[in-house]
Amino acid sequence: MPPASGHHQLSGITPENSDKNNKMAIEPVDIDDILTKVASLPVSAWTYKHDADEGVRHIGPMAQDFYALFGTGASEKGISTLDTSGVALAAIKALYQQNETLRARIDMLEQTDR
């Protein structure tokens, strides 16, 4: 069966099931490793072939690159928004930790200069 395509517009929200009671094999992730992978992930601007006449543009990674780096999802042909959100949150956490470390270092250097 070919994948569904077309434009869908929703008013409201589309929650994805993320209930911990529906999950198994839960493991922590290495946020620094994810940040490194995000930094190496090619991100491009592009148009779907079926949108060529309208010139609709998008920005994002190619599914094959995302799958090669993170190994998430059912195949290398698509990217789940749940996975992109999870990767983004992990990368943000890594950047937050780096920022906190740098702030502490700056505070220490400023105190030694006094």
N, C-alpha and C. Protein backbone atom coordinates (compact mmCIF):
# COMPACT_ATOMS: atom_id res chain seq x y z
N MET A 1 0.85 -1.18 0.00
CA MET A 1 0.00 0.00 0.00
C MET A 1 0.89 1.24 0.00
N PRO A 2 0.70 2.18 -0.93
CA PRO A 2 1.53 3.38 -0.96
C PRO A 2 1.23 4.27 0.23
N PRO A 3 2.23 5.03 0.67
CA PRO A 3 1.98 5.92 1.82
C PRO A 3 0.98 7.01 1.46
N ALA A 4 0.25 7.45 2.44
CA ALA A 4 -0.69 8.55 2.24
C ALA A 4 0.10 9.83 1.98
N SER A 5 -0.42 10.66 1.14
CA SER A 5 0.24 11.94 0.89
C SER A 5 -0.82 13.01 0.74
N GLY A 6 -0.37 14.22 0.66
CA GLY A 6 -1.29 15.33 0.51
C GLY A 6 -1.11 16.33 1.63
N HIS A 7 -1.92 17.32 1.62
CA HIS A 7 -1.85 18.37 2.63
C HIS A 7 -3.02 18.20 3.60
N HIS A 8 -2.71 18.21 4.86
CA HIS A 8 -3.73 18.10 5.89
C HIS A 8 -3.56 19.27 6.83
N GLN A 9 -4.61 19.94 7.12
CA GLN A 9 -4.54 21.05 8.06
C GLN A 9 -5.47 20.74 9.21
N LEU A 10 -4.93 20.85 10.41
CA LEU A 10 -5.71 20.55 11.60
C LEU A 10 -5.87 21.81 12.43
N SER A 11 -6.98 21.93 13.06
CA SER A 11 -7.17 22.97 14.06
C SER A 11 -7.11 22.26 15.40
N GLY A 12 -6.24 22.70 16.26
CA GLY A 12 -6.09 22.04 17.55
C GLY A 12 -4.76 21.32 17.63
N ILE A 13 -4.72 20.22 18.35
CA ILE A 13 -3.47 19.49 18.57
C ILE A 13 -3.61 18.06 18.08
N THR A 14 -2.46 17.45 17.84
CA THR A 14 -2.41 16.04 17.49
C THR A 14 -1.43 15.37 18.45
N PRO A 15 -1.90 14.93 19.59
CA PRO A 15 -0.97 14.31 20.55
C PRO A 15 -0.53 12.93 20.08
N GLU A 16 0.76 12.65 20.26
CA GLU A 16 1.28 11.33 19.98
C GLU A 16 1.31 10.55 21.28
N ASN A 17 0.98 9.28 21.22
CA ASN A 17 1.00 8.46 22.43
C ASN A 17 2.42 8.38 22.96
N SER A 18 2.61 8.84 24.18
CA SER A 18 3.92 8.76 24.82
C SER A 18 3.79 8.29 26.26
N ASP A 19 2.70 7.64 26.58
CA ASP A 19 2.42 7.12 27.92
C ASP A 19 3.49 6.08 28.29
N LYS A 20 4.14 6.28 29.42
CA LYS A 20 5.18 5.34 29.84
C LYS A 20 4.65 3.93 30.05
N ASN A 21 3.35 3.81 30.31
CA ASN A 21 2.76 2.48 30.50
C ASN A 21 2.64 1.69 29.20
N ASN A 22 2.81 2.36 28.07
CA ASN A 22 2.76 1.70 26.77
C ASN A 22 4.15 1.44 26.20
N LYS A 23 5.18 1.67 26.99
CA LYS A 23 6.55 1.55 26.50
C LYS A 23 7.29 0.44 27.23
N MET A 24 8.35 -0.03 26.59
CA MET A 24 9.23 -1.03 27.21
C MET A 24 10.66 -0.77 26.73
N ALA A 25 11.61 -1.46 27.30
CA ALA A 25 13.03 -1.32 26.95
C ALA A 25 13.46 0.15 27.05
N ILE A 26 13.03 0.81 28.10
CA ILE A 26 13.34 2.22 28.32
C ILE A 26 14.78 2.34 28.82
N GLU A 27 15.57 3.15 28.12
CA GLU A 27 16.98 3.34 28.47
C GLU A 27 17.33 4.82 28.42
N PRO A 28 18.20 5.28 29.31
CA PRO A 28 18.65 6.67 29.21
C PRO A 28 19.50 6.84 27.95
N VAL A 29 19.57 8.06 27.46
CA VAL A 29 20.40 8.34 26.29
C VAL A 29 21.61 9.17 26.71
N ASP A 30 22.65 9.10 25.91
CA ASP A 30 23.85 9.91 26.11
C ASP A 30 23.62 11.24 25.39
N ILE A 31 23.23 12.27 26.14
CA ILE A 31 22.86 13.54 25.53
C ILE A 31 24.04 14.20 24.81
N ASP A 32 25.25 14.00 25.30
CA ASP A 32 26.41 14.57 24.61
C ASP A 32 26.63 13.90 23.26
N ASP A 33 26.41 12.58 23.21
CA ASP A 33 26.52 11.86 21.95
C ASP A 33 25.45 12.33 20.97
N ILE A 34 24.25 12.55 21.46
CA ILE A 34 23.17 13.04 20.59
C ILE A 34 23.50 14.42 20.07
N LEU A 35 24.03 15.30 20.91
CA LEU A 35 24.40 16.65 20.47
C LEU A 35 25.46 16.57 19.37
N THR A 36 26.44 15.70 19.53
CA THR A 36 27.47 15.53 18.51
C THR A 36 26.85 15.06 17.19
N LYS A 37 25.90 14.14 17.28
CA LYS A 37 25.23 13.66 16.08
C LYS A 37 24.40 14.75 15.43
N VAL A 38 23.70 15.54 16.24
CA VAL A 38 22.91 16.65 15.70
C VAL A 38 23.83 17.63 14.96
N ALA A 39 25.00 17.89 15.53
CA ALA A 39 25.94 18.81 14.89
C ALA A 39 26.41 18.29 13.53
N SER A 40 26.45 16.98 13.36
CA SER A 40 26.90 16.41 12.09
C SER A 40 25.76 16.12 11.12
N LEU A 41 24.51 16.30 11.56
CA LEU A 41 23.34 15.99 10.74
C LEU A 41 23.15 17.06 9.66
N PRO A 42 23.21 16.66 8.39
CA PRO A 42 22.94 17.65 7.34
C PRO A 42 21.49 18.13 7.42
N VAL A 43 21.29 19.43 7.32
CA VAL A 43 19.96 20.02 7.30
C VAL A 43 19.88 20.86 6.03
N SER A 44 18.84 20.63 5.26
CA SER A 44 18.72 21.28 3.95
C SER A 44 17.35 21.93 3.81
N ALA A 45 17.26 22.83 2.85
CA ALA A 45 15.97 23.35 2.40
C ALA A 45 15.61 22.57 1.15
N TRP A 46 14.33 22.20 1.02
CA TRP A 46 13.94 21.35 -0.09
C TRP A 46 12.45 21.46 -0.39
N THR A 47 12.06 20.89 -1.52
CA THR A 47 10.67 20.83 -1.96
C THR A 47 10.33 19.38 -2.27
N TYR A 48 9.18 18.91 -1.80
CA TYR A 48 8.70 17.59 -2.23
C TYR A 48 8.40 17.66 -3.72
N LYS A 49 8.67 16.57 -4.41
CA LYS A 49 8.41 16.53 -5.85
C LYS A 49 6.95 16.85 -6.16
N HIS A 50 6.02 16.36 -5.33
CA HIS A 50 4.61 16.62 -5.59
C HIS A 50 4.20 18.06 -5.30
N ASP A 51 5.09 18.84 -4.68
CA ASP A 51 4.81 20.25 -4.40
C ASP A 51 5.58 21.19 -5.33
N ALA A 52 6.22 20.64 -6.35
CA ALA A 52 7.08 21.44 -7.22
C ALA A 52 6.32 22.60 -7.87
N ASP A 53 5.11 22.33 -8.33
CA ASP A 53 4.34 23.38 -9.01
C ASP A 53 3.97 24.53 -8.08
N GLU A 54 3.73 24.20 -6.81
CA GLU A 54 3.36 25.24 -5.83
C GLU A 54 4.59 25.90 -5.21
N GLY A 55 5.76 25.28 -5.34
CA GLY A 55 6.98 25.85 -4.77
C GLY A 55 7.03 25.81 -3.26
N VAL A 56 6.33 24.86 -2.64
CA VAL A 56 6.31 24.75 -1.18
C VAL A 56 7.69 24.28 -0.71
N ARG A 57 8.28 25.01 0.23
CA ARG A 57 9.62 24.70 0.73
C ARG A 57 9.55 24.18 2.16
N HIS A 58 10.53 23.38 2.52
CA HIS A 58 10.65 22.84 3.87
C HIS A 58 12.12 22.93 4.28
N ILE A 59 12.38 22.79 5.55
CA ILE A 59 13.74 22.72 6.08
C ILE A 59 13.80 21.52 7.00
N GLY A 60 14.83 20.72 6.83
CA GLY A 60 14.98 19.58 7.72
C GLY A 60 15.98 18.58 7.17
N PRO A 61 16.21 17.53 7.94
CA PRO A 61 17.14 16.49 7.52
C PRO A 61 16.48 15.52 6.56
N MET A 62 17.30 14.75 5.88
CA MET A 62 16.80 13.65 5.07
C MET A 62 16.61 12.44 5.99
N ALA A 63 15.56 11.68 5.75
CA ALA A 63 15.24 10.55 6.62
C ALA A 63 16.39 9.55 6.69
N GLN A 64 17.07 9.32 5.59
CA GLN A 64 18.16 8.35 5.57
C GLN A 64 19.31 8.80 6.48
N ASP A 65 19.62 10.10 6.48
CA ASP A 65 20.68 10.63 7.35
C ASP A 65 20.27 10.52 8.82
N PHE A 66 19.02 10.87 9.12
CA PHE A 66 18.52 10.80 10.49
C PHE A 66 18.57 9.37 11.00
N TYR A 67 18.11 8.44 10.17
CA TYR A 67 18.10 7.02 10.57
C TYR A 67 19.52 6.49 10.77
N ALA A 68 20.44 6.88 9.88
CA ALA A 68 21.82 6.43 10.00
C ALA A 68 22.45 6.90 11.31
N LEU A 69 22.12 8.09 11.75
CA LEU A 69 22.70 8.63 12.98
C LEU A 69 22.00 8.14 14.24
N PHE A 70 20.67 8.10 14.22
CA PHE A 70 19.93 7.83 15.44
C PHE A 70 19.26 6.46 15.48
N GLY A 71 19.06 5.83 14.34
CA GLY A 71 18.50 4.49 14.29
C GLY A 71 17.09 4.36 14.84
N THR A 72 16.33 5.43 14.78
CA THR A 72 14.96 5.40 15.30
C THR A 72 13.96 5.27 14.17
N GLY A 73 12.78 4.81 14.50
CA GLY A 73 11.71 4.71 13.52
C GLY A 73 11.65 3.34 12.89
N ALA A 74 10.63 3.15 12.06
CA ALA A 74 10.37 1.86 11.44
C ALA A 74 11.22 1.62 10.21
N SER A 75 11.71 2.70 9.58
CA SER A 75 12.53 2.53 8.38
C SER A 75 13.34 3.80 8.16
N GLU A 76 14.19 3.76 7.16
CA GLU A 76 15.01 4.92 6.83
C GLU A 76 14.31 5.86 5.86
N LYS A 77 13.03 5.64 5.62
CA LYS A 77 12.30 6.46 4.65
C LYS A 77 11.45 7.55 5.29
N GLY A 78 11.34 7.55 6.61
CA GLY A 78 10.52 8.56 7.28
C GLY A 78 11.09 8.91 8.64
N ILE A 79 10.68 10.04 9.14
CA ILE A 79 11.12 10.50 10.46
C ILE A 79 9.88 10.81 11.29
N SER A 80 9.78 10.21 12.45
CA SER A 80 8.68 10.49 13.37
C SER A 80 8.92 11.82 14.05
N THR A 81 7.86 12.63 14.17
CA THR A 81 8.00 13.88 14.90
C THR A 81 8.34 13.63 16.37
N LEU A 82 7.93 12.49 16.88
CA LEU A 82 8.29 12.13 18.25
C LEU A 82 9.81 11.97 18.38
N ASP A 83 10.44 11.36 17.37
CA ASP A 83 11.90 11.19 17.40
C ASP A 83 12.64 12.52 17.22
N THR A 84 12.16 13.36 16.31
CA THR A 84 12.84 14.65 16.15
C THR A 84 12.72 15.49 17.42
N SER A 85 11.55 15.41 18.07
CA SER A 85 11.38 16.14 19.33
C SER A 85 12.30 15.59 20.41
N GLY A 86 12.40 14.28 20.50
CA GLY A 86 13.27 13.67 21.50
C GLY A 86 14.73 14.02 21.28
N VAL A 87 15.16 13.97 20.04
CA VAL A 87 16.54 14.33 19.71
C VAL A 87 16.79 15.81 20.04
N ALA A 88 15.85 16.67 19.67
CA ALA A 88 16.00 18.09 19.97
C ALA A 88 16.07 18.35 21.47
N LEU A 89 15.21 17.70 22.24
CA LEU A 89 15.23 17.89 23.70
C LEU A 89 16.54 17.39 24.32
N ALA A 90 17.03 16.26 23.85
CA ALA A 90 18.30 15.74 24.36
C ALA A 90 19.43 16.71 24.03
N ALA A 91 19.45 17.24 22.82
CA ALA A 91 20.49 18.19 22.43
C ALA A 91 20.39 19.48 23.25
N ILE A 92 19.18 19.94 23.50
CA ILE A 92 18.99 21.13 24.34
C ILE A 92 19.52 20.88 25.75
N LYS A 93 19.24 19.70 26.29
CA LYS A 93 19.75 19.38 27.63
C LYS A 93 21.28 19.38 27.65
N ALA A 94 21.90 18.84 26.60
CA ALA A 94 23.36 18.83 26.52
C ALA A 94 23.90 20.25 26.45
N LEU A 95 23.27 21.10 25.65
CA LEU A 95 23.70 22.49 25.55
C LEU A 95 23.50 23.23 26.88
N TYR A 96 22.40 22.93 27.57
CA TYR A 96 22.15 23.54 28.88
C TYR A 96 23.27 23.17 29.86
N GLN A 97 23.64 21.89 29.88
CA GLN A 97 24.72 21.46 30.78
C GLN A 97 26.04 22.12 30.41
N GLN A 98 26.33 22.22 29.12
CA GLN A 98 27.55 22.90 28.69
C GLN A 98 27.53 24.36 29.11
N ASN A 99 26.38 25.00 28.96
CA ASN A 99 26.25 26.40 29.33
C ASN A 99 26.45 26.59 30.83
N GLU A 100 25.87 25.71 31.64
CA GLU A 100 26.05 25.80 33.09
C GLU A 100 27.51 25.62 33.49
N THR A 101 28.20 24.69 32.83
CA THR A 101 29.62 24.47 33.10
C THR A 101 30.43 25.72 32.75
N LEU A 102 30.13 26.31 31.62
CA LEU A 102 30.84 27.53 31.20
C LEU A 102 30.54 28.70 32.12
N ARG A 103 29.30 28.83 32.55
CA ARG A 103 28.94 29.91 33.50
C ARG A 103 29.70 29.76 34.81
N ALA A 104 29.78 28.55 35.31
CA ALA A 104 30.50 28.31 36.55
C ALA A 104 31.98 28.65 36.37
N ARG A 105 32.52 28.29 35.23
CA ARG A 105 33.94 28.58 34.96
C ARG A 105 34.17 30.09 34.85
N ILE A 106 33.27 30.80 34.20
CA ILE A 106 33.38 32.25 34.09
C ILE A 106 33.31 32.89 35.46
N ASP A 107 32.36 32.43 36.29
CA ASP A 107 32.24 32.97 37.65
C ASP A 107 33.53 32.74 38.43
N MET A 108 34.11 31.56 38.31
CA MET A 108 35.35 31.26 39.01
C MET A 108 36.48 32.16 38.51
N LEU A 109 36.58 32.37 37.21
CA LEU A 109 37.64 33.22 36.66
C LEU A 109 37.45 34.67 37.07
N GLU A 110 36.21 35.13 37.11
CA GLU A 110 35.94 36.51 37.53
C GLU A 110 36.29 36.70 39.00
N GLN A 111 36.06 35.71 39.84
CA GLN A 111 36.40 35.83 41.27
C GLN A 111 37.91 35.83 41.48
N THR A 112 38.65 35.10 40.68
CA THR A 112 40.12 35.07 40.84
C THR A 112 40.75 36.35 40.32
N ASP A 113 40.05 37.09 39.46
CA ASP A 113 40.57 38.36 38.93
C ASP A 113 40.38 39.49 39.93
N ARG A 114 39.56 39.30 40.93
CA ARG A 114 39.27 40.39 41.89
C ARG A 114 40.32 40.51 42.92
